[in-house]
Amino acid sequence: MAKKSAAKKKPATKSSGGGGVAAAVKKAADLIQVAYDTGTPVPPIRTLLPEGDIDAAYAVQETNTRLRIKRGARLTGRKIGLTSKTIQKQLGVDRPDFGVLFDTMAIPDGEEVPFGMVLQPRVEGEIAFVMERDLKLERPSTTDVMRAIAYASPSIEICGSRIDKWQINIQDTIADNASAALYVLGNTKVKLEDFDGRLCGMVLESKGEPLSVGAGAACLGHPINAVRWLAEEMVRRGRPLLAGDVVMSGALGPMVAVTPGQVYEVRISGLGSARASFAAG
């Protein structure tokens, strides 16, 4: 089981702004939703929550998840973030985080993303997994996870931050749906036994120039480790992974800021490629 965040956690009785945690969660959720609705980033929301309170940040995320479902969005999977040990150290945590994927976030391979659709966009090359079976075990083994996966595909996660200038800590990014925005799945479907998830190399490039390189081992040692962490966490939080869910397992290399008008292609050995195209504006 993943360790809890190393950040010091104050008693969850009241926020720094007063009025109780529930009120703070609502205020933070409202601010992030305003950023979604207006296309204007907001200041960091961590000052509204009890310092270091990870569960309060997830409560903000869950509040806006329920709102989007109420507005008609369909939940289609999860994304895993903070799978790089380097990024974890930068944010002062010792575990990944997760966000929610909706049907409105899926972009076909190569289809152009309209200018301004994503706030402060950045891209990452990742391995995506599609679930074949529900995964509702409280403590799934690696074997359990592998049996539950139908196939893997190359993917590009298009991250975005509703927090101004990406001034985020762990609470900001969790509350902001783990900085999720859109995602692109490649058109190849590969069984787990047909590629090496740990040693597969990844390159993310634009105009033939490599911008980010990495390998499967950069994702918690193996992307399956990230999926196992997620499966356990989702059961604990009452939203287990289900058959058909897409799991974006985490970046295999550094995140890249998007330049309008550019096309980004990820190639992962043994899996194939996927492309994300951005309008010029």
C-alpha atoms as a PDB file:
ATOM      1  CA  MET A   1       0.000   0.000   0.000  1.00  0.00           C
ATOM      2  CA  ALA A   2       1.275   3.457  -0.855  1.00  0.00           C
ATOM      3  CA  LYS A   3       2.435   5.591   2.050  1.00  0.00           C
ATOM      4  CA  LYS A   4       0.565   8.690   3.054  1.00  0.00           C
ATOM      5  CA  SER A   5       1.907  12.066   2.055  1.00  0.00           C
ATOM      6  CA  ALA A   6       4.853  13.294   4.055  1.00  0.00           C
ATOM      7  CA  ALA A   7       3.265  16.730   4.268  1.00  0.00           C
ATOM      8  CA  LYS A   8       2.205  17.704   7.769  1.00  0.00           C
ATOM      9  CA  LYS A   9      -1.520  17.343   8.222  1.00  0.00           C
ATOM     10  CA  LYS A  10      -3.524  19.637  10.479  1.00  0.00           C
ATOM     11  CA  PRO A  11      -6.684  18.380  12.189  1.00  0.00           C
ATOM     12  CA  ALA A  12      -9.507  18.397   9.641  1.00  0.00           C
ATOM     13  CA  THR A  13     -11.785  20.657  11.646  1.00  0.00           C
ATOM     14  CA  LYS A  14     -11.429  24.037  10.023  1.00  0.00           C
ATOM     15  CA  SER A  15      -9.639  25.657   7.100  1.00  0.00           C
ATOM     16  CA  SER A  16      -7.244  28.539   7.176  1.00  0.00           C
ATOM     17  CA  GLY A  17     -10.072  30.718   5.906  1.00  0.00           C
ATOM     18  CA  GLY A  18     -12.520  29.642   8.628  1.00  0.00           C
ATOM     19  CA  GLY A  19     -16.001  28.216   8.266  1.00  0.00           C
ATOM     20  CA  GLY A  20     -15.072  24.530   8.399  1.00  0.00           C
ATOM     21  CA  VAL A  21     -13.627  22.072   5.933  1.00  0.00           C
ATOM     22  CA  ALA A  22     -16.907  21.535   4.063  1.00  0.00           C
ATOM     23  CA  ALA A  23     -17.220  25.243   3.372  1.00  0.00           C
ATOM     24  CA  ALA A  24     -13.574  25.433   2.299  1.00  0.00           C
ATOM     25  CA  VAL A  25     -14.014  22.485  -0.055  1.00  0.00           C
ATOM     26  CA  LYS A  26     -17.065  24.099  -1.643  1.00  0.00           C
ATOM     27  CA  LYS A  27     -15.301  27.438  -2.094  1.00  0.00           C
ATOM     28  CA  ALA A  28     -12.251  25.774  -3.684  1.00  0.00           C
ATOM     29  CA  ALA A  29     -14.450  23.667  -5.976  1.00  0.00           C
ATOM     30  CA  ASP A  30     -16.419  26.741  -7.029  1.00  0.00           C
ATOM     31  CA  LEU A  31     -13.210  28.626  -7.909  1.00  0.00           C
ATOM     32  CA  ILE A  32     -11.890  25.789 -10.046  1.00  0.00           C
ATOM     33  CA  GLN A  33     -15.249  25.440 -11.774  1.00  0.00           C
ATOM     34  CA  VAL A  34     -15.209  29.164 -12.541  1.00  0.00           C
ATOM     35  CA  ALA A  35     -11.867  28.627 -14.288  1.00  0.00           C
ATOM     36  CA  TYR A  36     -13.414  25.816 -16.357  1.00  0.00           C
ATOM     37  CA  ASP A  37     -16.460  27.890 -17.254  1.00  0.00           C
ATOM     38  CA  THR A  38     -14.702  31.174 -18.033  1.00  0.00           C
ATOM     39  CA  GLY A  39     -11.376  29.962 -19.409  1.00  0.00           C
ATOM     40  CA  THR A  40      -9.529  32.152 -16.914  1.00  0.00           C
ATOM     41  CA  PRO A  41      -7.042  30.592 -14.454  1.00  0.00           C
ATOM     42  CA  VAL A  42      -7.481  31.234 -10.745  1.00  0.00           C
ATOM     43  CA  PRO A  43      -4.914  31.669  -7.947  1.00  0.00           C
ATOM     44  CA  PRO A  44      -3.757  28.574  -6.027  1.00  0.00           C
ATOM     45  CA  ILE A  45      -6.574  27.167  -3.888  1.00  0.00           C
ATOM     46  CA  ARG A  46      -4.365  25.451  -1.299  1.00  0.00           C
ATOM     47  CA  THR A  47      -4.678  28.411   1.070  1.00  0.00           C
ATOM     48  CA  LEU A  48      -8.398  27.620   1.391  1.00  0.00           C
ATOM     49  CA  LEU A  49      -7.804  24.077   2.658  1.00  0.00           C
ATOM     50  CA  PRO A  50      -6.239  22.699   5.853  1.00  0.00           C
ATOM     51  CA  GLU A  51      -2.512  22.578   5.196  1.00  0.00           C
ATOM     52  CA  GLY A  52      -1.396  19.239   3.793  1.00  0.00           C
ATOM     53  CA  ASP A  53      -4.897  17.746   3.880  1.00  0.00           C
ATOM     54  CA  ILE A  54      -4.928  15.424   0.875  1.00  0.00           C
ATOM     55  CA  ASP A  55      -8.437  14.133   1.536  1.00  0.00           C
ATOM     56  CA  ALA A  56      -9.806  17.688   1.485  1.00  0.00           C
ATOM     57  CA  ALA A  57      -8.210  18.170  -1.945  1.00  0.00           C
ATOM     58  CA  TYR A  58      -9.822  14.962  -3.201  1.00  0.00           C
ATOM     59  CA  ALA A  59     -13.135  16.191  -1.789  1.00  0.00           C
ATOM     60  CA  VAL A  60     -12.800  19.258  -4.020  1.00  0.00           C
ATOM     61  CA  GLN A  61     -12.128  16.998  -7.010  1.00  0.00           C
ATOM     62  CA  GLU A  62     -15.111  14.776  -6.145  1.00  0.00           C
ATOM     63  CA  THR A  63     -17.396  17.802  -5.815  1.00  0.00           C
ATOM     64  CA  ASN A  64     -16.635  18.905  -9.366  1.00  0.00           C
ATOM     65  CA  THR A  65     -16.733  15.317 -10.634  1.00  0.00           C
ATOM     66  CA  ARG A  66     -20.316  15.026  -9.418  1.00  0.00           C
ATOM     67  CA  LEU A  67     -21.163  18.377 -10.982  1.00  0.00           C
ATOM     68  CA  ARG A  68     -19.816  17.323 -14.383  1.00  0.00           C
ATOM     69  CA  ILE A  69     -21.740  14.059 -14.227  1.00  0.00           C
ATOM     70  CA  LYS A  70     -24.870  15.998 -13.293  1.00  0.00           C
ATOM     71  CA  ARG A  71     -24.268  18.216 -16.333  1.00  0.00           C
ATOM     72  CA  GLY A  72     -24.206  15.138 -18.571  1.00  0.00           C
ATOM     73  CA  ALA A  73     -20.560  14.018 -18.769  1.00  0.00           C
ATOM     74  CA  ARG A  74     -19.884  10.291 -18.592  1.00  0.00           C
ATOM     75  CA  LEU A  75     -17.048   8.914 -16.474  1.00  0.00           C
ATOM     76  CA  THR A  76     -14.761   6.796 -18.680  1.00  0.00           C
ATOM     77  CA  GLY A  77     -11.622   6.196 -16.637  1.00  0.00           C
ATOM     78  CA  ARG A  78      -8.814   7.669 -14.558  1.00  0.00           C
ATOM     79  CA  LYS A  79      -5.443   9.311 -14.986  1.00  0.00           C
ATOM     80  CA  ILE A  80      -2.507   8.752 -12.687  1.00  0.00           C
ATOM     81  CA  GLY A  81      -0.150  11.610 -11.923  1.00  0.00           C
ATOM     82  CA  LEU A  82       3.053  12.136  -9.973  1.00  0.00           C
ATOM     83  CA  THR A  83       4.507   8.767 -10.997  1.00  0.00           C
ATOM     84  CA  SER A  84       7.974  10.267 -11.305  1.00  0.00           C
ATOM     85  CA  LYS A  85      10.085  10.203  -8.141  1.00  0.00           C
ATOM     86  CA  THR A  86      11.658  13.506  -9.187  1.00  0.00           C
ATOM     87  CA  ILE A  87       8.283  15.260  -9.395  1.00  0.00           C
ATOM     88  CA  GLN A  88       7.188  13.694  -6.111  1.00  0.00           C
ATOM     89  CA  LYS A  89      10.232  15.176  -4.410  1.00  0.00           C
ATOM     90  CA  GLN A  90       9.527  18.586  -5.944  1.00  0.00           C
ATOM     91  CA  LEU A  91       5.986  18.566  -4.485  1.00  0.00           C
ATOM     92  CA  GLY A  92       7.022  17.020  -1.161  1.00  0.00           C
ATOM     93  CA  VAL A  93       5.010  13.794  -1.466  1.00  0.00           C
ATOM     94  CA  ASP A  94       5.811  10.095  -1.600  1.00  0.00           C
ATOM     95  CA  ARG A  95       2.911   8.752  -3.650  1.00  0.00           C
ATOM     96  CA  PRO A  96       1.067   9.342  -6.925  1.00  0.00           C
ATOM     97  CA  ASP A  97      -2.293  11.049  -7.323  1.00  0.00           C
ATOM     98  CA  PHE A  98      -5.245  10.483  -9.636  1.00  0.00           C
ATOM     99  CA  GLY A  99      -7.842  12.371 -11.614  1.00  0.00           C
ATOM    100  CA  VAL A 100     -11.021  11.464 -13.459  1.00  0.00           C
ATOM    101  CA  LEU A 101     -11.484  11.003 -17.223  1.00  0.00           C
ATOM    102  CA  PHE A 102     -14.759  11.856 -18.966  1.00  0.00           C
ATOM    103  CA  ASP A 103     -16.073  11.051 -22.434  1.00  0.00           C
ATOM    104  CA  THR A 104     -15.709  14.738 -23.348  1.00  0.00           C
ATOM    105  CA  MET A 105     -11.931  14.523 -22.804  1.00  0.00           C
ATOM    106  CA  ALA A 106     -11.159  11.870 -25.447  1.00  0.00           C
ATOM    107  CA  ILE A 107      -9.642  13.267 -28.669  1.00  0.00           C
ATOM    108  CA  PRO A 108      -9.218  10.998 -31.734  1.00  0.00           C
ATOM    109  CA  ASP A 109      -5.654  10.390 -32.887  1.00  0.00           C
ATOM    110  CA  GLY A 110      -4.480  13.394 -34.902  1.00  0.00           C
ATOM    111  CA  GLU A 111      -7.684  15.441 -34.586  1.00  0.00           C
ATOM    112  CA  GLU A 112      -7.011  19.143 -34.070  1.00  0.00           C
ATOM    113  CA  VAL A 113      -7.507  20.587 -30.600  1.00  0.00           C
ATOM    114  CA  PRO A 114      -9.094  24.055 -30.877  1.00  0.00           C
ATOM    115  CA  PHE A 115      -7.042  26.980 -29.637  1.00  0.00           C
ATOM    116  CA  GLY A 116      -8.002  27.883 -26.064  1.00  0.00           C
ATOM    117  CA  MET A 117      -9.784  24.595 -25.353  1.00  0.00           C
ATOM    118  CA  VAL A 118      -7.181  23.754 -22.699  1.00  0.00           C
ATOM    119  CA  LEU A 119      -5.798  26.240 -20.198  1.00  0.00           C
ATOM    120  CA  GLN A 120      -1.985  26.354 -20.182  1.00  0.00           C
ATOM    121  CA  PRO A 121      -1.638  23.073 -22.126  1.00  0.00           C
ATOM    122  CA  ARG A 122       1.236  20.661 -21.784  1.00  0.00           C
ATOM    123  CA  VAL A 123       1.704  17.162 -23.196  1.00  0.00           C
ATOM    124  CA  GLU A 124       3.117  13.882 -21.891  1.00  0.00           C
ATOM    125  CA  GLY A 125       3.782  10.512 -23.503  1.00  0.00           C
ATOM    126  CA  GLU A 126       2.150   7.641 -21.624  1.00  0.00           C
ATOM    127  CA  ILE A 127       0.966   4.050 -21.813  1.00  0.00           C
ATOM    128  CA  ALA A 128      -2.811   3.771 -21.596  1.00  0.00           C
ATOM    129  CA  PHE A 129      -4.548   0.610 -20.430  1.00  0.00           C
ATOM    130  CA  VAL A 130      -8.148  -0.399 -21.101  1.00  0.00           C
ATOM    131  CA  MET A 131      -9.816  -2.599 -18.485  1.00  0.00           C
ATOM    132  CA  GLU A 132     -11.455  -5.876 -19.483  1.00  0.00           C
ATOM    133  CA  ARG A 133     -12.878  -6.692 -16.049  1.00  0.00           C
ATOM    134  CA  ASP A 134     -13.984  -4.803 -12.951  1.00  0.00           C
ATOM    135  CA  LEU A 135     -11.256  -4.518 -10.321  1.00  0.00           C
ATOM    136  CA  LYS A 136     -12.920  -4.285  -6.918  1.00  0.00           C
ATOM    137  CA  LEU A 137     -10.381  -6.069  -4.695  1.00  0.00           C
ATOM    138  CA  GLU A 138      -9.201  -4.057  -1.699  1.00  0.00           C
ATOM    139  CA  ARG A 139      -5.596  -5.224  -2.097  1.00  0.00           C
ATOM    140  CA  PRO A 140      -5.124  -6.444  -5.679  1.00  0.00           C
ATOM    141  CA  SER A 141      -1.936  -8.251  -6.623  1.00  0.00           C
ATOM    142  CA  THR A 142       0.045  -7.501  -9.753  1.00  0.00           C
ATOM    143  CA  THR A 143      -1.416 -10.674 -11.250  1.00  0.00           C
ATOM    144  CA  ASP A 144      -4.952  -9.521 -10.425  1.00  0.00           C
ATOM    145  CA  VAL A 145      -4.280  -6.230 -12.205  1.00  0.00           C
ATOM    146  CA  MET A 146      -2.768  -7.852 -15.276  1.00  0.00           C
ATOM    147  CA  ARG A 147      -5.681 -10.277 -15.601  1.00  0.00           C
ATOM    148  CA  ALA A 148      -8.123  -7.361 -15.469  1.00  0.00           C
ATOM    149  CA  ILE A 149      -6.481  -5.428 -18.343  1.00  0.00           C
ATOM    150  CA  ALA A 150      -7.658  -6.007 -21.920  1.00  0.00           C
ATOM    151  CA  TYR A 151      -4.838  -4.236 -23.762  1.00  0.00           C
ATOM    152  CA  ALA A 152      -2.417  -1.300 -23.828  1.00  0.00           C
ATOM    153  CA  SER A 153      -2.137   1.584 -26.301  1.00  0.00           C
ATOM    154  CA  PRO A 154       0.281   4.475 -26.847  1.00  0.00           C
ATOM    155  CA  SER A 155      -1.189   7.741 -25.659  1.00  0.00           C
ATOM    156  CA  ILE A 156      -0.664  11.444 -25.173  1.00  0.00           C
ATOM    157  CA  GLU A 157      -2.089  13.139 -22.132  1.00  0.00           C
ATOM    158  CA  ILE A 158      -2.890  16.798 -22.730  1.00  0.00           C
ATOM    159  CA  CYS A 159      -2.583  18.321 -19.281  1.00  0.00           C
ATOM    160  CA  GLY A 160      -3.966  21.701 -18.327  1.00  0.00           C
ATOM    161  CA  SER A 161      -4.031  23.726 -15.153  1.00  0.00           C
ATOM    162  CA  ARG A 162      -6.863  25.893 -13.934  1.00  0.00           C
ATOM    163  CA  ILE A 163      -4.315  27.287 -11.465  1.00  0.00           C
ATOM    164  CA  ASP A 164      -2.602  30.425 -12.752  1.00  0.00           C
ATOM    165  CA  LYS A 165       0.904  29.862 -14.167  1.00  0.00           C
ATOM    166  CA  TRP A 166       0.960  26.251 -12.892  1.00  0.00           C
ATOM    167  CA  GLN A 167       1.716  27.510  -9.375  1.00  0.00           C
ATOM    168  CA  ILE A 168       0.697  24.195  -7.864  1.00  0.00           C
ATOM    169  CA  ASN A 169       1.432  22.021  -4.890  1.00  0.00           C
ATOM    170  CA  ILE A 170      -0.045  18.580  -4.258  1.00  0.00           C
ATOM    171  CA  GLN A 171      -3.362  19.970  -2.976  1.00  0.00           C
ATOM    172  CA  ASP A 172      -3.788  22.274  -5.969  1.00  0.00           C
ATOM    173  CA  THR A 173      -3.234  19.577  -8.557  1.00  0.00           C
ATOM    174  CA  ILE A 174      -5.438  16.980  -6.837  1.00  0.00           C
ATOM    175  CA  ALA A 175      -8.269  19.466  -6.372  1.00  0.00           C
ATOM    176  CA  ASP A 176      -7.869  20.455 -10.033  1.00  0.00           C
ATOM    177  CA  ASN A 177      -8.547  16.870 -11.177  1.00  0.00           C
ATOM    178  CA  ALA A 178      -4.823  16.066 -11.211  1.00  0.00           C
ATOM    179  CA  SER A 179      -4.354  18.741 -13.906  1.00  0.00           C
ATOM    180  CA  ALA A 180      -6.267  16.600 -16.412  1.00  0.00           C
ATOM    181  CA  ALA A 181      -7.650  18.133 -19.596  1.00  0.00           C
ATOM    182  CA  LEU A 182      -7.760  15.834 -22.664  1.00  0.00           C
ATOM    183  CA  TYR A 183      -6.178  12.617 -23.869  1.00  0.00           C
ATOM    184  CA  VAL A 184      -5.382  10.900 -27.168  1.00  0.00           C
ATOM    185  CA  LEU A 185      -5.213   7.122 -27.589  1.00  0.00           C
ATOM    186  CA  GLY A 186      -3.291   5.560 -30.454  1.00  0.00           C
ATOM    187  CA  ASN A 187      -5.105   3.140 -32.723  1.00  0.00           C
ATOM    188  CA  THR A 188      -3.043   0.063 -31.811  1.00  0.00           C
ATOM    189  CA  LYS A 189      -4.170  -2.432 -29.168  1.00  0.00           C
ATOM    190  CA  VAL A 190      -1.388  -4.555 -27.699  1.00  0.00           C
ATOM    191  CA  LYS A 191      -1.706  -7.410 -25.212  1.00  0.00           C
ATOM    192  CA  LEU A 192       0.476  -7.134 -22.112  1.00  0.00           C
ATOM    193  CA  GLU A 193       2.506 -10.214 -23.036  1.00  0.00           C
ATOM    194  CA  ASP A 194       3.442  -8.685 -26.385  1.00  0.00           C
ATOM    195  CA  PHE A 195       5.571  -5.780 -25.142  1.00  0.00           C
ATOM    196  CA  ASP A 196       7.931  -4.965 -22.277  1.00  0.00           C
ATOM    197  CA  GLY A 197       6.187  -2.387 -20.106  1.00  0.00           C
ATOM    198  CA  ARG A 198       9.301  -1.674 -18.054  1.00  0.00           C
ATOM    199  CA  LEU A 199      11.945  -1.403 -20.773  1.00  0.00           C
ATOM    200  CA  CYS A 200       9.878   0.078 -23.618  1.00  0.00           C
ATOM    201  CA  GLY A 201      11.350   3.351 -24.811  1.00  0.00           C
ATOM    202  CA  MET A 202       9.307   6.508 -25.390  1.00  0.00           C
ATOM    203  CA  VAL A 203      10.007   9.587 -27.471  1.00  0.00           C
ATOM    204  CA  LEU A 204       7.705  12.594 -27.779  1.00  0.00           C
ATOM    205  CA  GLU A 205       8.573  14.811 -30.719  1.00  0.00           C
ATOM    206  CA  SER A 206       7.387  17.689 -32.871  1.00  0.00           C
ATOM    207  CA  LYS A 207       8.615  18.370 -36.418  1.00  0.00           C
ATOM    208  CA  GLY A 208      11.005  15.443 -36.023  1.00  0.00           C
ATOM    209  CA  GLU A 209      12.710  17.005 -32.998  1.00  0.00           C
ATOM    210  CA  PRO A 210      12.717  14.914 -29.793  1.00  0.00           C
ATOM    211  CA  LEU A 211      11.289  16.956 -26.930  1.00  0.00           C
ATOM    212  CA  SER A 212      10.885  14.301 -24.235  1.00  0.00           C
ATOM    213  CA  VAL A 213      12.344  10.819 -23.892  1.00  0.00           C
ATOM    214  CA  GLY A 214      11.883   8.117 -21.307  1.00  0.00           C
ATOM    215  CA  ALA A 215      10.959   4.507 -20.634  1.00  0.00           C
ATOM    216  CA  GLY A 216       8.351   2.445 -18.835  1.00  0.00           C
ATOM    217  CA  ALA A 217      10.550   2.164 -15.763  1.00  0.00           C
ATOM    218  CA  ALA A 218      10.101   5.921 -15.158  1.00  0.00           C
ATOM    219  CA  CYS A 219       6.492   5.204 -14.150  1.00  0.00           C
ATOM    220  CA  LEU A 220       6.870   3.833 -10.592  1.00  0.00           C
ATOM    221  CA  GLY A 221       9.327   1.256 -11.891  1.00  0.00           C
ATOM    222  CA  HIS A 222       6.667  -0.267 -14.162  1.00  0.00           C
ATOM    223  CA  PRO A 223       3.328   1.152 -15.398  1.00  0.00           C
ATOM    224  CA  ILE A 224       1.504  -1.869 -13.940  1.00  0.00           C
ATOM    225  CA  ASN A 225       2.685  -0.744 -10.484  1.00  0.00           C
ATOM    226  CA  ALA A 226       0.885   2.547 -11.075  1.00  0.00           C
ATOM    227  CA  VAL A 227      -2.317   0.787 -12.127  1.00  0.00           C
ATOM    228  CA  ARG A 228      -2.178  -1.442  -9.053  1.00  0.00           C
ATOM    229  CA  TRP A 229      -1.814   1.623  -6.820  1.00  0.00           C
ATOM    230  CA  LEU A 230      -4.760   3.247  -8.562  1.00  0.00           C
ATOM    231  CA  ALA A 231      -6.985   0.161  -8.314  1.00  0.00           C
ATOM    232  CA  GLU A 232      -6.462  -0.010  -4.550  1.00  0.00           C
ATOM    233  CA  GLU A 233      -6.979   3.717  -4.100  1.00  0.00           C
ATOM    234  CA  MET A 234     -10.201   3.736  -6.135  1.00  0.00           C
ATOM    235  CA  VAL A 235     -11.715   0.910  -4.089  1.00  0.00           C
ATOM    236  CA  ARG A 236     -10.835   2.801  -0.921  1.00  0.00           C
ATOM    237  CA  ARG A 237     -12.570   5.899  -2.270  1.00  0.00           C
ATOM    238  CA  GLY A 238     -15.679   4.112  -3.490  1.00  0.00           C
ATOM    239  CA  ARG A 239     -15.144   4.421  -7.255  1.00  0.00           C
ATOM    240  CA  PRO A 240     -13.488   1.134  -8.334  1.00  0.00           C
ATOM    241  CA  LEU A 241     -12.126   0.594 -11.819  1.00  0.00           C
ATOM    242  CA  LEU A 242     -14.700  -1.029 -14.103  1.00  0.00           C
ATOM    243  CA  ALA A 243     -14.610  -2.963 -17.354  1.00  0.00           C
ATOM    244  CA  GLY A 244     -14.087  -0.548 -20.242  1.00  0.00           C
ATOM    245  CA  ASP A 245     -12.353   2.111 -18.167  1.00  0.00           C
ATOM    246  CA  VAL A 246      -9.310   3.834 -19.654  1.00  0.00           C
ATOM    247  CA  VAL A 247      -6.330   4.237 -17.340  1.00  0.00           C
ATOM    248  CA  MET A 248      -3.671   6.778 -18.261  1.00  0.00           C
ATOM    249  CA  SER A 249      -0.818   5.265 -16.269  1.00  0.00           C
ATOM    250  CA  GLY A 250       1.547   8.236 -15.965  1.00  0.00           C
ATOM    251  CA  ALA A 251       4.260  10.082 -17.859  1.00  0.00           C
ATOM    252  CA  LEU A 252       7.278   8.181 -19.192  1.00  0.00           C
ATOM    253  CA  GLY A 253       9.281  11.379 -19.661  1.00  0.00           C
ATOM    254  CA  PRO A 254       9.230  15.108 -18.891  1.00  0.00           C
ATOM    255  CA  MET A 255       6.136  17.196 -19.611  1.00  0.00           C
ATOM    256  CA  VAL A 256       6.332  19.529 -22.623  1.00  0.00           C
ATOM    257  CA  ALA A 257       4.646  22.940 -22.954  1.00  0.00           C
ATOM    258  CA  VAL A 258       2.440  23.175 -26.049  1.00  0.00           C
ATOM    259  CA  THR A 259       3.146  25.621 -28.882  1.00  0.00           C
ATOM    260  CA  PRO A 260      -0.021  26.567 -30.832  1.00  0.00           C
ATOM    261  CA  GLY A 261      -0.044  25.247 -34.373  1.00  0.00           C
ATOM    262  CA  GLN A 262       2.236  22.292 -33.623  1.00  0.00           C
ATOM    263  CA  VAL A 263       1.673  18.542 -33.917  1.00  0.00           C
ATOM    264  CA  TYR A 264       3.113  16.280 -31.211  1.00  0.00           C
ATOM    265  CA  GLU A 265       3.727  12.590 -31.790  1.00  0.00           C
ATOM    266  CA  VAL A 266       4.595   9.962 -29.203  1.00  0.00           C
ATOM    267  CA  ARG A 267       6.236   6.703 -30.206  1.00  0.00           C
ATOM    268  CA  ILE A 268       6.554   3.868 -27.683  1.00  0.00           C
ATOM    269  CA  SER A 269       8.532   0.762 -28.619  1.00  0.00           C
ATOM    270  CA  GLY A 270       6.304  -2.258 -28.993  1.00  0.00           C
ATOM    271  CA  LEU A 271       3.123  -0.171 -28.848  1.00  0.00           C
ATOM    272  CA  GLY A 272       3.122   2.223 -31.796  1.00  0.00           C
ATOM    273  CA  SER A 273       2.349   5.931 -31.939  1.00  0.00           C
ATOM    274  CA  ALA A 274      -0.260   8.598 -31.257  1.00  0.00           C
ATOM    275  CA  ARG A 275      -0.540  12.238 -32.355  1.00  0.00           C
ATOM    276  CA  ALA A 276      -1.963  15.394 -30.806  1.00  0.00           C
ATOM    277  CA  SER A 277      -2.503  18.379 -33.115  1.00  0.00           C
ATOM    278  CA  PHE A 278      -3.101  21.931 -31.869  1.00  0.00           C
ATOM    279  CA  ALA A 279      -4.754  24.757 -33.802  1.00  0.00           C
ATOM    280  CA  ALA A 280      -2.723  27.881 -34.434  1.00  0.00           C
ATOM    281  CA  GLY A 281      -5.203  30.165 -32.688  1.00  0.00           C
END
